[in-house]
Amino acid sequence: MIEYLHLTNLGGISSAQLDFGGPFIAITGESGAGKTSLVRAMELLSGKRAQTSTIRYGAEMSTLESRLFTEDPQACSHEGVEPSEGDIFIKRQIYRNGRGKCFLQDHQVSLGLLAEYMDPLLRIQSQFAQLNLLETDKQLKILDSCGGSELMDLFDHFSKSYEKAYTLEKEVRKLKTERSEVLDRFKDAEEILGLVGKINPFSDCDLTWNTELDNLNQKLSRNLKIRETLFRFRGNEMNKGIMDQLEEALPLLKELAKTEQEDLFQTGIDSILDRLNEILTICESQLSQQDIRSIQEEIDQKEKRIGLLRKAKRIAGVNSTEELIEYAVQARKALSWLSGIRQEIIDKEEESRISRKEASEAALRLRDLRLKSGDELAQRVNWAMRDLAMLGMHFEVQLLQLDKIRENGADEVQFLLRNTEGFSGPIHKVASGGELSRLLLSIEVSLPDEQIPDTIVFDEVEAGLGGRAAVLAGYKLKELSRKCQVILITHEASIAAIADQHFMVSKEGDQAKVQEVKGEARVRELARMLSGDYEMREALDHARKLLSEESLLSSRID
C-alpha cells in the first residue's frame, strides 16, 4: 500500500504531500481543481510513460517520490532491487527536454523495470477502465486469473508448447525460404564448379592465358613461315625448289667464265650450294612436324581453357575472374549447406508437430478448466451484482471454441448479460454506462485475493451512478478495502463519507492545493459535494448524517 506521495510541478500542482493512513481513501474537489494531476501522479508511480505536458507550466522538471509497504517482500524482489523491511522507495524525475529518470530503492532503473515491478502493487482503474471489459483478450485474462494455480500452470505449459511450435514453424518457413533463394541463386552451381575444377582459375588468369596464347600464335606463325621458306628452297617431287633451280642455273654461269676461271666458278657454285644446304639442314633440324603439332595442341588447350572460363562467367552471371572465384567459394558453401538443410527441416517439422500436438492437448484441458472457472466467476459476480442492486441482470461467461489454437488457447471468451426481459448479449450491448461501472466493480471484488494488487486507484468509477446505486457502490469499495488499499477520486458525497481518510483538492489562483480534511472541514466539503454550497444548512446537516452512519456501515461489512 502507498504510505505517502510527494510531488512537485505536476499538472496544476506546484507541491503536494499526501500521507495515507487508511485502507479506504477518498479524494474530492471541484471539477478542474486538479484531481486529475493526482491520478497522473499515481499513473507515473505505476510506471506509465510520462509526457512533458504533465510538467507544470514554467517549470523545467517535475518530481514524484513515494514510499510503499508490502507484506510480501519476496514477491517484489527483482534484479537485485528488494524491499527494505517491506518498504519500497520510488522516485521519478521528468524533464522538459523529454528525458526522465526512475529510481527504486535509490537504484536507477529503466521505465520498463519500474512498470514490471509495480504491476502486482498498484492498479489504476479510471472511469474508462470499463472499456477493457469490451476486449475479449482482457476478458480471457480475467477468467484465467480466477482459475487458480492449476489453470495458470497448465496455461504456462500450453504457452511454452505453443511458443515452441510457433518458433519452430517460423524457423522452418525461414529455412525453406532461404533454401529456395539458395537454390535459385546457385541453380547452376554444380556445372560452374565443374568448369572451375577443369580450368582452375586464379586472379588475372584470363590476362595471363591470353598473353600466353598470343605468344604461342606468334611462335606457330614463325614456325609456319620457316616451313614455308624451307619448302620454297627444297620443293618436292611435284614442284622444284629454289635449290633445284640453283643447281640447274648456277652451272650455266661457267659458260660465261674464261677457261682459266672455270675451276674458280665451279668452286664458288659448289660453295654456295653447300652453304645453303647447310643452312637449310640446320633450319630443318630445329623445326620438325612434331614441334608445330605440339604448339597447335597447346594453342587448342589454351583456347579451350579461355572458352571454358568465359562460359563459367556467363553462366554464373559475373564479369570478372575474381567474382567467379568468389562465386565458387560461396557455391561450395551453399551446396554443403543444402546437403544438410533438408534433414534439419525434416527434424524441425517433426519437433514442431510434437509441440503443436502438446499445445492442442493442453488447450483442450484448458477449456475444461476455463468452463469451470467461468461458472465460479459468474456465480461470484452475480452475488456482487445483487449487492449493487443489479437484481435484474444476470452475468454469464461464454466460451467460444476456435477452429485452431492461438497464443491464448483454442477459446475466445465473452462476458454476457441477461436482463429481466430475457435479452442476452455482450455486456456493452445490454448494460448502460452506470451498469458497466457497477459490473466492473463487481468483477474487481470477485477476483481471487492473490489477483488483487496492494493498491487500487479508482478514478470516478461511480460515474453514471447516483442515489442508492452510488451508495451500494461505496459499500462494495469499502468491502474491497478490507483486501487492499482503495484510493477513490470521486464526486459522490455518499461514498466519500464512508472513506477512512479524505483529501480535498482546491484551486487557489493558478495553483492546486491538496489537504487532508477532518472534522468540520470534511463536513463542509461533503456539503459542497451535496449542494454546491458548503454553507447551506441542509447540506451541512446531511453531511454530518452521512459521517455519523460510517460506523454503522463498518459494522455491516464486518
Protein backbone atom coordinates (compact mmCIF):
# COMPACT_ATOMS: atom_id res chain seq x y z
CA MET A 1 0.00 0.00 0.00
CA ILE A 2 1.04 3.60 -0.60
CA GLU A 3 2.19 5.28 2.62
CA TYR A 4 2.98 8.71 1.24
CA LEU A 5 3.09 10.53 -2.08
CA HIS A 6 5.07 13.73 -2.64
CA LEU A 7 5.02 15.58 -5.94
CA THR A 8 6.25 18.89 -7.35
CA ASN A 9 5.40 20.78 -10.53
CA LEU A 10 2.97 18.18 -11.80
CA GLY A 11 -0.02 19.44 -13.73
CA GLY A 12 -1.61 22.24 -11.74
CA ILE A 13 0.14 21.26 -8.51
CA SER A 14 3.36 23.04 -7.60
CA SER A 15 3.88 20.95 -4.45
CA ALA A 16 1.81 18.43 -2.51
CA GLN A 17 2.37 15.82 0.20
CA LEU A 18 -0.22 13.11 0.82
CA ASP A 19 0.29 10.86 3.86
CA PHE A 20 -2.11 7.95 3.53
CA GLY A 21 -3.33 6.44 6.76
CA GLY A 22 -6.30 4.24 5.98
CA PRO A 23 -7.36 1.38 3.71
CA PHE A 24 -10.12 3.43 2.04
CA ILE A 25 -9.14 6.93 0.92
CA ALA A 26 -11.33 9.46 -0.85
CA ILE A 27 -10.01 12.37 -2.91
CA THR A 28 -12.56 15.05 -3.81
CA GLY A 29 -12.68 18.55 -5.22
CA GLU A 30 -14.49 20.68 -7.74
CA SER A 31 -14.11 19.93 -11.44
CA GLY A 32 -10.90 21.47 -12.72
CA ALA A 33 -9.39 21.77 -9.24
CA GLY A 34 -6.53 19.36 -10.04
CA LYS A 35 -7.69 15.87 -9.08
CA THR A 36 -6.54 14.62 -12.48
CA SER A 37 -2.99 15.65 -11.57
CA LEU A 38 -3.10 13.21 -8.66
CA VAL A 39 -4.32 10.46 -10.99
CA ARG A 40 -1.41 11.26 -13.34
CA ALA A 41 0.95 11.11 -10.36
CA MET A 42 -0.23 7.62 -9.43
CA GLU A 43 -0.04 6.53 -13.07
CA LEU A 44 3.57 7.71 -13.14
CA LEU A 45 4.12 5.81 -9.92
CA SER A 46 2.86 2.65 -11.64
CA GLY A 47 5.44 3.06 -14.42
CA LYS A 48 3.39 4.77 -17.11
CA ARG A 49 5.35 6.74 -19.70
CA ALA A 50 5.49 10.46 -18.90
CA GLN A 51 4.51 13.33 -21.17
CA THR A 52 6.24 16.69 -20.94
CA SER A 53 2.78 18.27 -20.91
CA THR A 54 2.36 16.94 -17.36
CA ILE A 55 5.12 19.28 -16.14
CA ARG A 56 3.70 22.44 -14.56
CA TYR A 57 3.87 25.47 -16.84
CA GLY A 58 7.05 27.46 -16.24
CA ALA A 59 8.93 24.59 -14.56
CA GLU A 60 11.76 22.60 -16.14
CA MET A 61 11.36 19.45 -14.06
CA SER A 62 8.67 17.54 -12.21
CA THR A 63 9.43 15.11 -9.38
CA LEU A 64 7.50 12.31 -7.74
CA GLU A 65 8.51 10.48 -4.57
CA SER A 66 6.65 7.75 -2.76
CA ARG A 67 7.03 5.04 -0.17
CA LEU A 68 5.01 1.84 -0.38
CA PHE A 69 4.73 -1.03 2.05
CA THR A 70 4.18 -4.64 1.07
CA GLU A 71 3.54 -7.65 3.29
CA ASP A 72 5.11 -9.94 0.69
CA PRO A 73 8.64 -8.59 0.04
CA GLN A 74 9.70 -11.75 -1.79
CA ALA A 75 7.08 -11.18 -4.48
CA CYS A 76 8.67 -7.79 -5.20
CA SER A 77 12.31 -8.87 -5.33
CA HIS A 78 13.55 -8.25 -8.83
CA GLU A 79 17.01 -7.97 -10.33
CA GLY A 80 18.66 -7.07 -7.05
CA VAL A 81 16.05 -4.45 -6.09
CA GLU A 82 14.45 -5.71 -2.88
CA PRO A 83 12.10 -4.05 -0.36
CA SER A 84 13.75 -2.86 2.84
CA GLU A 85 11.75 -4.45 5.68
CA GLY A 86 8.71 -4.28 3.42
CA ASP A 87 9.27 -0.64 2.40
CA ILE A 88 9.69 0.32 -1.25
CA PHE A 89 11.02 3.77 -2.16
CA ILE A 90 10.25 5.15 -5.60
CA LYS A 91 11.36 8.36 -7.25
CA ARG A 92 10.76 9.76 -10.72
CA GLN A 93 12.18 12.87 -12.36
CA ILE A 94 10.64 14.21 -15.56
CA TYR A 95 12.46 16.89 -17.57
CA ARG A 96 11.15 19.41 -20.06
CA ASN A 97 13.56 18.07 -22.72
CA GLY A 98 11.68 14.76 -22.71
CA ARG A 99 14.16 12.80 -20.63
CA GLY A 100 13.48 11.27 -17.28
CA LYS A 101 14.92 9.11 -14.52
CA CYS A 102 13.39 6.33 -12.42
CA PHE A 103 14.71 5.12 -9.07
CA LEU A 104 13.85 2.05 -6.98
CA GLN A 105 15.47 1.84 -3.55
CA ASP A 106 17.95 4.54 -4.72
CA HIS A 107 18.90 2.39 -7.76
CA GLN A 108 18.31 4.00 -11.14
CA VAL A 109 16.21 1.62 -13.21
CA SER A 110 14.51 1.59 -16.60
CA LEU A 111 10.90 2.60 -17.00
CA GLY A 112 10.09 -0.94 -18.13
CA LEU A 113 11.54 -2.41 -14.95
CA LEU A 114 9.58 0.06 -12.81
CA ALA A 115 6.34 -0.89 -14.58
CA GLU A 116 7.08 -4.60 -14.16
CA TYR A 117 7.99 -4.10 -10.51
CA MET A 118 4.81 -2.13 -9.76
CA ASP A 119 2.40 -4.41 -11.63
CA PRO A 120 1.42 -6.51 -8.57
CA LEU A 121 1.46 -3.46 -6.28
CA LEU A 122 -0.65 -0.81 -7.98
CA ARG A 123 -3.56 -0.79 -10.42
CA ILE A 124 -5.27 2.28 -11.90
CA GLN A 125 -8.98 1.92 -12.72
CA SER A 126 -10.28 5.03 -14.43
CA GLN A 127 -13.87 5.68 -15.41
CA PHE A 128 -12.84 4.40 -18.85
CA ALA A 129 -11.45 1.13 -17.46
CA GLN A 130 -14.83 -0.45 -18.15
CA LEU A 131 -13.88 -0.29 -21.82
CA ASN A 132 -11.39 -3.07 -21.07
CA LEU A 133 -14.37 -5.30 -20.46
CA LEU A 134 -15.25 -4.97 -24.15
CA GLU A 135 -11.97 -6.59 -25.25
CA THR A 136 -12.10 -10.37 -25.42
CA ASP A 137 -8.40 -10.69 -24.56
CA LYS A 138 -8.97 -8.73 -21.32
CA GLN A 139 -11.98 -10.89 -20.52
CA LEU A 140 -9.93 -14.05 -21.07
CA LYS A 141 -7.19 -12.80 -18.74
CA ILE A 142 -9.76 -12.05 -16.06
CA LEU A 143 -11.21 -15.53 -16.47
CA ASP A 144 -7.81 -17.24 -16.32
CA SER A 145 -6.83 -15.24 -13.22
CA CYS A 146 -9.75 -16.86 -11.42
CA GLY A 147 -8.71 -20.41 -12.28
CA GLY A 148 -6.12 -20.84 -9.57
CA SER A 149 -2.66 -22.37 -9.80
CA GLU A 150 -3.87 -25.44 -11.73
CA LEU A 151 -5.12 -23.33 -14.62
CA MET A 152 -2.13 -20.98 -14.56
CA ASP A 153 0.34 -23.89 -14.53
CA LEU A 154 -1.50 -25.53 -17.42
CA PHE A 155 -1.60 -22.25 -19.34
CA ASP A 156 2.14 -21.86 -18.77
CA HIS A 157 2.70 -25.36 -20.17
CA PHE A 158 0.43 -24.57 -23.12
CA SER A 159 2.20 -21.26 -23.79
CA LYS A 160 5.63 -22.91 -23.82
CA SER A 161 4.44 -25.68 -26.18
CA TYR A 162 2.65 -23.21 -28.44
CA GLU A 163 5.59 -20.81 -28.47
CA LYS A 164 7.98 -23.65 -29.25
CA ALA A 165 5.77 -24.90 -32.09
CA TYR A 166 5.30 -21.37 -33.43
CA THR A 167 9.03 -20.65 -33.24
CA LEU A 168 9.91 -23.92 -34.97
CA GLU A 169 7.33 -23.32 -37.71
CA LYS A 170 8.73 -19.85 -38.21
CA GLU A 171 12.25 -21.29 -38.42
CA VAL A 172 11.11 -23.91 -40.93
CA ARG A 173 9.47 -21.25 -43.11
CA LYS A 174 12.63 -19.19 -42.93
CA LEU A 175 14.82 -22.19 -43.79
CA LYS A 176 12.62 -23.13 -46.72
CA THR A 177 12.72 -19.55 -47.99
CA GLU A 178 16.50 -19.49 -47.62
CA ARG A 179 16.75 -22.87 -49.34
CA SER A 180 14.62 -21.63 -52.21
CA GLU A 181 16.75 -18.48 -52.53
CA VAL A 182 19.99 -20.51 -52.40
CA LEU A 183 18.68 -22.99 -54.96
CA ASP A 184 17.68 -20.14 -57.23
CA ARG A 185 20.97 -18.31 -56.85
CA PHE A 186 23.15 -21.42 -57.20
CA LYS A 187 20.95 -23.45 -59.55
CA ASP A 188 23.90 -23.91 -61.96
CA ALA A 189 26.48 -24.28 -59.19
CA GLU A 190 27.42 -27.89 -59.99
CA GLU A 191 28.04 -27.10 -63.68
CA ILE A 192 30.02 -23.97 -62.81
CA LEU A 193 32.08 -25.75 -60.17
CA GLY A 194 32.79 -28.48 -62.75
CA LEU A 195 34.08 -25.85 -65.16
CA VAL A 196 36.08 -24.16 -62.42
CA GLY A 197 37.60 -27.51 -61.50
CA LYS A 198 38.72 -28.03 -65.07
CA ILE A 199 40.25 -24.61 -65.63
CA ASN A 200 41.47 -23.90 -62.07
CA PRO A 201 41.25 -20.10 -62.43
CA PHE A 202 43.28 -17.60 -60.45
CA SER A 203 43.36 -13.82 -60.21
CA ASP A 204 44.03 -12.23 -63.63
CA CYS A 205 44.35 -15.69 -65.20
CA ASP A 206 42.40 -14.56 -68.28
CA LEU A 207 45.02 -11.88 -68.94
CA THR A 208 47.84 -14.39 -68.36
CA TRP A 209 46.27 -17.03 -70.59
CA ASN A 210 45.54 -14.58 -73.41
CA THR A 211 49.15 -13.37 -73.27
CA GLU A 212 50.41 -16.96 -73.42
CA LEU A 213 48.03 -17.66 -76.33
CA ASP A 214 49.36 -14.64 -78.25
CA ASN A 215 52.92 -15.88 -77.71
CA LEU A 216 52.03 -19.37 -78.92
CA ASN A 217 50.27 -17.99 -82.00
CA GLN A 218 53.34 -15.89 -82.78
CA LYS A 219 55.57 -18.93 -82.32
CA LEU A 220 53.35 -21.03 -84.56
CA SER A 221 53.24 -18.30 -87.20
CA ARG A 222 57.04 -18.06 -87.19
CA ASN A 223 57.46 -21.81 -87.48
CA LEU A 224 54.95 -21.98 -90.30
CA LYS A 225 56.81 -19.24 -92.15
CA ILE A 226 60.09 -21.14 -91.67
CA ARG A 227 58.46 -24.30 -93.02
CA GLU A 228 57.07 -22.36 -95.96
CA THR A 229 60.52 -20.90 -96.66
CA LEU A 230 62.15 -24.35 -96.46
CA PHE A 231 59.53 -25.67 -98.81
CA ARG A 232 60.32 -22.92 -101.31
CA PHE A 233 64.01 -23.87 -101.16
CA ARG A 234 63.59 -27.63 -101.07
CA GLY A 235 60.48 -28.14 -103.12
CA ASN A 236 59.09 -31.64 -103.62
CA GLU A 237 58.58 -34.24 -106.30
CA MET A 238 55.89 -32.16 -107.93
CA ASN A 239 57.43 -28.72 -107.54
CA LYS A 240 61.09 -27.77 -107.90
CA GLY A 241 62.50 -25.67 -105.12
CA ILE A 242 64.97 -22.81 -105.21
CA MET A 243 67.80 -25.29 -104.55
CA ASP A 244 66.82 -27.31 -107.57
CA GLN A 245 66.64 -24.19 -109.69
CA LEU A 246 70.04 -23.02 -108.40
CA GLU A 247 71.61 -26.39 -109.12
CA GLU A 248 70.34 -26.05 -112.69
CA ALA A 249 71.02 -22.35 -113.16
CA LEU A 250 74.40 -21.85 -111.49
CA PRO A 251 76.37 -24.20 -113.77
CA LEU A 252 75.29 -22.01 -116.68
CA LEU A 253 77.44 -19.27 -115.23
CA LYS A 254 80.54 -21.32 -116.08
CA GLU A 255 79.79 -20.74 -119.76
CA LEU A 256 80.35 -17.05 -119.15
CA ALA A 257 83.66 -17.65 -117.45
CA LYS A 258 87.02 -17.85 -119.20
CA THR A 259 88.69 -21.17 -119.37
CA GLU A 260 91.17 -20.29 -116.61
CA GLN A 261 88.27 -19.21 -114.31
CA GLU A 262 86.13 -22.31 -114.78
CA ASP A 263 87.51 -24.05 -111.71
CA LEU A 264 87.02 -20.92 -109.67
CA PHE A 265 83.38 -20.63 -110.80
CA GLN A 266 82.75 -24.29 -110.08
CA THR A 267 84.28 -23.96 -106.63
CA GLY A 268 82.09 -20.92 -105.91
CA ILE A 269 78.97 -22.62 -107.16
CA ASP A 270 79.67 -25.70 -105.08
CA SER A 271 80.36 -23.47 -102.03
CA ILE A 272 77.08 -21.56 -102.47
CA LEU A 273 75.06 -24.74 -102.77
CA ASP A 274 76.88 -26.36 -99.85
CA ARG A 275 76.36 -23.31 -97.60
CA LEU A 276 72.70 -23.05 -98.49
CA ASN A 277 72.26 -26.71 -97.89
CA GLU A 278 73.95 -26.45 -94.51
CA ILE A 279 71.68 -23.53 -93.54
CA LEU A 280 68.59 -25.38 -94.68
CA THR A 281 69.72 -28.51 -92.83
CA ILE A 282 70.20 -26.50 -89.65
CA CYS A 283 66.71 -24.98 -90.01
CA GLU A 284 65.23 -28.38 -90.72
CA SER A 285 66.92 -29.81 -87.66
CA GLN A 286 65.34 -27.06 -85.46
CA LEU A 287 61.90 -27.40 -86.98
CA SER A 288 60.05 -30.65 -87.10
CA GLN A 289 56.45 -31.64 -87.72
CA GLN A 290 56.14 -32.65 -84.05
CA ASP A 291 57.07 -29.12 -82.82
CA ILE A 292 54.34 -27.49 -84.85
CA ARG A 293 51.82 -30.12 -83.77
CA SER A 294 52.67 -29.63 -80.09
CA ILE A 295 52.36 -25.85 -80.42
CA GLN A 296 48.97 -26.24 -82.10
CA GLU A 297 47.83 -28.63 -79.36
CA GLU A 298 48.94 -26.17 -76.71
CA ILE A 299 47.08 -23.38 -78.52
CA ASP A 300 43.96 -25.54 -78.67
CA GLN A 301 44.21 -26.25 -74.94
CA LYS A 302 44.66 -22.55 -74.15
CA GLU A 303 41.71 -21.55 -76.32
CA LYS A 304 39.55 -24.24 -74.74
CA ARG A 305 40.52 -23.11 -71.24
CA ILE A 306 39.78 -19.48 -72.08
CA GLY A 307 36.49 -20.53 -73.65
CA LEU A 308 35.51 -22.52 -70.54
CA LEU A 309 36.38 -19.50 -68.37
CA ARG A 310 34.11 -17.28 -70.45
CA LYS A 311 31.34 -19.88 -70.29
CA ALA A 312 31.66 -20.19 -66.50
CA LYS A 313 31.46 -16.40 -66.13
CA ARG A 314 28.40 -16.22 -68.37
CA ILE A 315 26.53 -18.96 -66.53
CA ALA A 316 27.46 -17.50 -63.13
CA GLY A 317 26.45 -14.02 -64.27
CA VAL A 318 29.74 -12.41 -63.26
CA ASN A 319 32.06 -10.04 -65.07
CA SER A 320 35.48 -10.82 -63.64
CA THR A 321 37.53 -13.86 -62.72
CA GLU A 322 37.71 -12.62 -59.12
CA GLU A 323 33.90 -12.63 -58.95
CA LEU A 324 33.85 -16.14 -60.43
CA ILE A 325 36.33 -17.38 -57.81
CA GLU A 326 34.21 -15.81 -55.03
CA TYR A 327 31.09 -17.35 -56.56
CA ALA A 328 32.77 -20.75 -56.48
CA VAL A 329 33.66 -20.32 -52.80
CA GLN A 330 30.08 -19.36 -51.94
CA ALA A 331 28.67 -22.11 -54.16
CA ARG A 332 30.68 -24.79 -52.35
CA LYS A 333 29.39 -23.48 -49.01
CA ALA A 334 25.85 -23.32 -50.37
CA LEU A 335 25.94 -26.88 -51.68
CA SER A 336 27.36 -28.06 -48.36
CA TRP A 337 24.58 -26.16 -46.52
CA LEU A 338 21.90 -27.56 -48.84
CA SER A 339 23.12 -31.10 -48.26
CA GLY A 340 22.38 -30.78 -44.51
CA ILE A 341 19.38 -28.42 -44.52
CA ARG A 342 16.91 -30.97 -45.83
CA GLN A 343 17.32 -33.17 -42.75
CA GLU A 344 17.29 -30.15 -40.46
CA ILE A 345 13.94 -29.07 -41.94
CA ILE A 346 12.53 -32.58 -41.50
CA ASP A 347 13.70 -32.68 -37.86
CA LYS A 348 12.28 -29.26 -37.05
CA GLU A 349 8.96 -30.08 -38.71
CA GLU A 350 8.68 -33.22 -36.63
CA GLU A 351 9.61 -31.37 -33.44
CA SER A 352 7.08 -28.67 -34.30
CA ARG A 353 4.40 -31.30 -34.88
CA ILE A 354 5.02 -32.81 -31.46
CA SER A 355 4.96 -29.40 -29.74
CA ARG A 356 1.77 -28.38 -31.54
CA LYS A 357 0.15 -31.66 -30.52
CA GLU A 358 1.14 -31.00 -26.90
CA ALA A 359 -0.26 -27.47 -27.19
CA SER A 360 -3.52 -28.78 -28.67
CA GLU A 361 -3.93 -31.30 -25.87
CA ALA A 362 -3.17 -28.63 -23.27
CA ALA A 363 -5.66 -26.26 -24.95
CA LEU A 364 -8.42 -28.85 -24.59
CA ARG A 365 -7.63 -29.31 -20.89
CA LEU A 366 -7.54 -25.52 -20.56
CA ARG A 367 -11.03 -25.35 -21.98
CA ASP A 368 -12.38 -27.67 -19.27
CA LEU A 369 -10.73 -25.60 -16.52
CA ARG A 370 -11.97 -22.36 -18.10
CA LEU A 371 -15.52 -23.65 -18.19
CA LYS A 372 -15.30 -24.46 -14.50
CA SER A 373 -13.59 -21.14 -13.73
CA GLY A 374 -16.23 -19.28 -15.76
CA ASP A 375 -19.05 -20.83 -13.76
CA GLU A 376 -17.39 -19.93 -10.46
CA LEU A 377 -16.60 -16.35 -11.60
CA ALA A 378 -20.16 -15.83 -12.84
CA GLN A 379 -21.53 -17.02 -9.51
CA ARG A 380 -19.33 -14.62 -7.51
CA VAL A 381 -20.01 -11.69 -9.85
CA ASN A 382 -23.78 -12.27 -9.68
CA TRP A 383 -23.64 -12.21 -5.87
CA ALA A 384 -21.73 -8.91 -6.02
CA MET A 385 -24.21 -7.51 -8.56
CA ARG A 386 -27.08 -8.30 -6.22
CA ASP A 387 -25.32 -6.29 -3.51
CA LEU A 388 -25.14 -3.43 -6.01
CA ALA A 389 -28.88 -3.53 -6.73
CA MET A 390 -28.47 -5.14 -10.15
CA LEU A 391 -31.16 -7.70 -9.44
CA GLY A 392 -32.50 -7.55 -12.98
CA MET A 393 -29.18 -8.54 -14.51
CA HIS A 394 -27.54 -11.93 -14.73
CA PHE A 395 -23.84 -12.25 -15.63
CA GLU A 396 -22.60 -15.17 -17.71
CA VAL A 397 -19.24 -16.29 -19.09
CA GLN A 398 -19.47 -17.83 -22.54
CA LEU A 399 -16.59 -19.80 -24.03
CA LEU A 400 -16.38 -19.88 -27.83
CA GLN A 401 -14.37 -22.64 -29.47
CA LEU A 402 -11.90 -21.59 -32.16
CA ASP A 403 -11.16 -23.67 -35.23
CA LYS A 404 -7.43 -23.62 -34.43
CA ILE A 405 -5.25 -22.87 -31.44
CA ARG A 406 -3.85 -19.40 -30.92
CA GLU A 407 -1.49 -17.86 -28.40
CA ASN A 408 -4.20 -17.89 -25.68
CA GLY A 409 -5.52 -21.34 -26.41
CA ALA A 410 -8.38 -22.66 -28.51
CA ASP A 411 -11.05 -20.44 -26.97
CA GLU A 412 -12.43 -16.95 -27.01
CA VAL A 413 -14.44 -15.65 -24.10
CA GLN A 414 -17.42 -13.34 -23.99
CA PHE A 415 -18.90 -11.71 -20.93
CA LEU A 416 -22.67 -11.70 -21.35
CA LEU A 417 -25.53 -10.05 -19.52
CA ARG A 418 -29.14 -11.15 -19.47
CA ASN A 419 -31.79 -8.66 -18.39
CA THR A 420 -35.26 -9.17 -16.97
CA GLU A 421 -36.80 -9.02 -20.43
CA GLY A 422 -34.80 -12.09 -21.38
CA PHE A 423 -32.50 -10.21 -23.73
CA SER A 424 -29.00 -11.63 -23.62
CA GLY A 425 -25.88 -10.35 -25.31
CA PRO A 426 -22.38 -8.94 -24.88
CA ILE A 427 -22.18 -6.69 -21.85
CA HIS A 428 -21.70 -3.47 -23.84
CA LYS A 429 -24.92 -4.12 -25.78
CA VAL A 430 -27.05 -4.85 -22.74
CA ALA A 431 -25.65 -2.69 -19.91
CA SER A 432 -25.80 1.08 -19.57
CA GLY A 433 -22.76 3.17 -18.59
CA GLY A 434 -23.72 3.08 -14.92
CA GLU A 435 -24.34 -0.66 -15.06
CA LEU A 436 -20.95 -1.19 -16.67
CA SER A 437 -19.35 0.73 -13.78
CA ARG A 438 -21.06 -1.49 -11.24
CA LEU A 439 -20.19 -4.60 -13.26
CA LEU A 440 -16.53 -3.54 -13.32
CA LEU A 441 -16.62 -3.15 -9.54
CA SER A 442 -18.41 -6.49 -9.15
CA ILE A 443 -15.69 -8.25 -11.15
CA GLU A 444 -12.95 -6.47 -9.19
CA VAL A 445 -14.29 -7.62 -5.81
CA SER A 446 -14.87 -11.14 -7.21
CA LEU A 447 -11.25 -11.73 -8.17
CA PRO A 448 -9.20 -14.12 -6.01
CA ASP A 449 -7.24 -12.36 -3.29
CA GLU A 450 -3.92 -13.25 -4.95
CA GLN A 451 -5.02 -11.41 -8.10
CA ILE A 452 -5.82 -8.19 -6.24
CA PRO A 453 -2.92 -5.70 -6.08
CA ASP A 454 -1.85 -3.98 -2.87
CA THR A 455 -3.45 -0.72 -4.01
CA ILE A 456 -6.23 0.06 -6.48
CA VAL A 457 -6.90 3.63 -7.60
CA PHE A 458 -10.44 4.25 -8.86
CA ASP A 459 -10.89 7.42 -10.89
CA GLU A 460 -14.60 8.30 -10.72
CA VAL A 461 -15.58 4.66 -11.16
CA GLU A 462 -19.02 5.61 -9.84
CA ALA A 463 -19.59 7.88 -12.85
CA GLY A 464 -23.13 7.40 -14.12
CA LEU A 465 -24.36 6.21 -10.74
CA GLY A 466 -26.47 8.09 -8.31
CA GLY A 467 -28.69 7.65 -5.30
CA ARG A 468 -28.89 4.14 -3.91
CA ALA A 469 -26.65 2.68 -6.67
CA ALA A 470 -23.85 5.05 -5.68
CA VAL A 471 -24.24 4.18 -2.00
CA LEU A 472 -24.13 0.47 -2.77
CA ALA A 473 -21.02 1.02 -4.88
CA GLY A 474 -19.49 2.73 -1.86
CA TYR A 475 -20.31 -0.31 0.27
CA LYS A 476 -18.51 -2.55 -2.24
CA LEU A 477 -15.49 -0.27 -2.31
CA LYS A 478 -15.42 -0.34 1.47
CA GLU A 479 -15.63 -4.13 1.33
CA LEU A 480 -12.78 -4.24 -1.20
CA SER A 481 -10.67 -2.06 1.09
CA ARG A 482 -10.63 -4.96 3.54
CA LYS A 483 -8.45 -6.79 0.96
CA CYS A 484 -6.34 -3.93 -0.39
CA GLN A 485 -5.85 -0.20 -0.15
CA VAL A 486 -8.52 1.65 -2.14
CA ILE A 487 -7.93 5.22 -3.32
CA LEU A 488 -11.01 6.78 -4.89
CA ILE A 489 -11.27 10.04 -6.80
CA THR A 490 -14.96 10.81 -6.56
CA HIS A 491 -17.70 13.41 -6.88
CA GLU A 492 -20.13 11.31 -4.84
CA ALA A 493 -20.57 12.56 -1.25
CA SER A 494 -22.22 9.36 -0.01
CA ILE A 495 -19.09 7.39 -0.97
CA ALA A 496 -16.59 9.98 0.26
CA ALA A 497 -18.32 9.98 3.62
CA ILE A 498 -17.53 6.34 4.31
CA ALA A 499 -13.83 6.64 3.47
CA ASP A 500 -11.29 6.16 6.26
CA GLN A 501 -9.37 9.22 5.09
CA HIS A 502 -10.43 12.20 3.00
CA PHE A 503 -8.26 14.54 0.89
CA MET A 504 -9.59 17.66 -0.81
CA VAL A 505 -8.12 19.32 -3.91
CA SER A 506 -8.87 23.02 -4.27
CA LYS A 507 -7.77 25.78 -6.61
CA GLU A 508 -6.10 28.93 -5.29
CA GLY A 509 -5.28 31.24 -8.17
CA ASP A 510 -3.42 29.16 -10.76
CA GLN A 511 -2.26 26.55 -8.25
CA ALA A 512 -3.94 23.41 -6.98
CA LYS A 513 -3.76 22.71 -3.26
CA VAL A 514 -4.13 19.28 -1.65
CA GLN A 515 -5.01 18.90 2.01
CA GLU A 516 -6.49 16.28 4.27
CA VAL A 517 -9.88 17.29 5.63
CA LYS A 518 -11.14 16.22 9.03
CA GLY A 519 -13.93 17.21 11.35
CA GLU A 520 -15.82 20.32 10.33
CA ALA A 521 -13.63 20.84 7.23
CA ARG A 522 -14.73 17.45 5.98
CA VAL A 523 -18.37 18.28 6.75
CA ARG A 524 -18.09 21.46 4.68
CA GLU A 525 -16.51 19.59 1.72
CA LEU A 526 -19.27 16.95 1.79
CA ALA A 527 -21.87 19.74 1.95
CA ARG A 528 -20.32 21.32 -1.14
CA MET A 529 -20.47 17.96 -2.93
CA LEU A 530 -24.12 17.56 -1.97
CA SER A 531 -25.41 21.01 -2.87
CA GLY A 532 -22.63 23.03 -4.42
CA ASP A 533 -22.70 25.30 -1.36
CA TYR A 534 -20.56 24.41 1.65
CA GLU A 535 -22.54 26.82 3.87
CA MET A 536 -26.07 25.55 3.17
CA ARG A 537 -27.52 24.36 6.48
CA GLU A 538 -29.47 21.45 4.99
CA ALA A 539 -26.36 20.24 3.16
CA LEU A 540 -24.25 20.55 6.31
CA ASP A 541 -26.81 18.55 8.31
CA HIS A 542 -26.92 15.89 5.57
CA ALA A 543 -23.12 15.69 5.53
CA ARG A 544 -22.96 15.17 9.29
CA LYS A 545 -25.59 12.46 8.98
CA LEU A 546 -23.56 10.68 6.32
CA LEU A 547 -20.48 10.75 8.52
CA SER A 548 -22.41 9.52 11.55
CA GLU A 549 -23.53 6.47 9.60
CA GLU A 550 -19.94 5.40 8.84
CA SER A 551 -19.61 3.25 11.96
CA LEU A 552 -22.88 1.54 11.13
CA LEU A 553 -21.58 0.75 7.65
CA SER A 554 -18.37 -0.70 9.04
CA SER A 555 -20.28 -2.99 11.37
CA ARG A 556 -22.48 -4.16 8.49
CA ILE A 557 -19.47 -5.02 6.34
CA ASP A 558 -17.73 -6.80 9.20
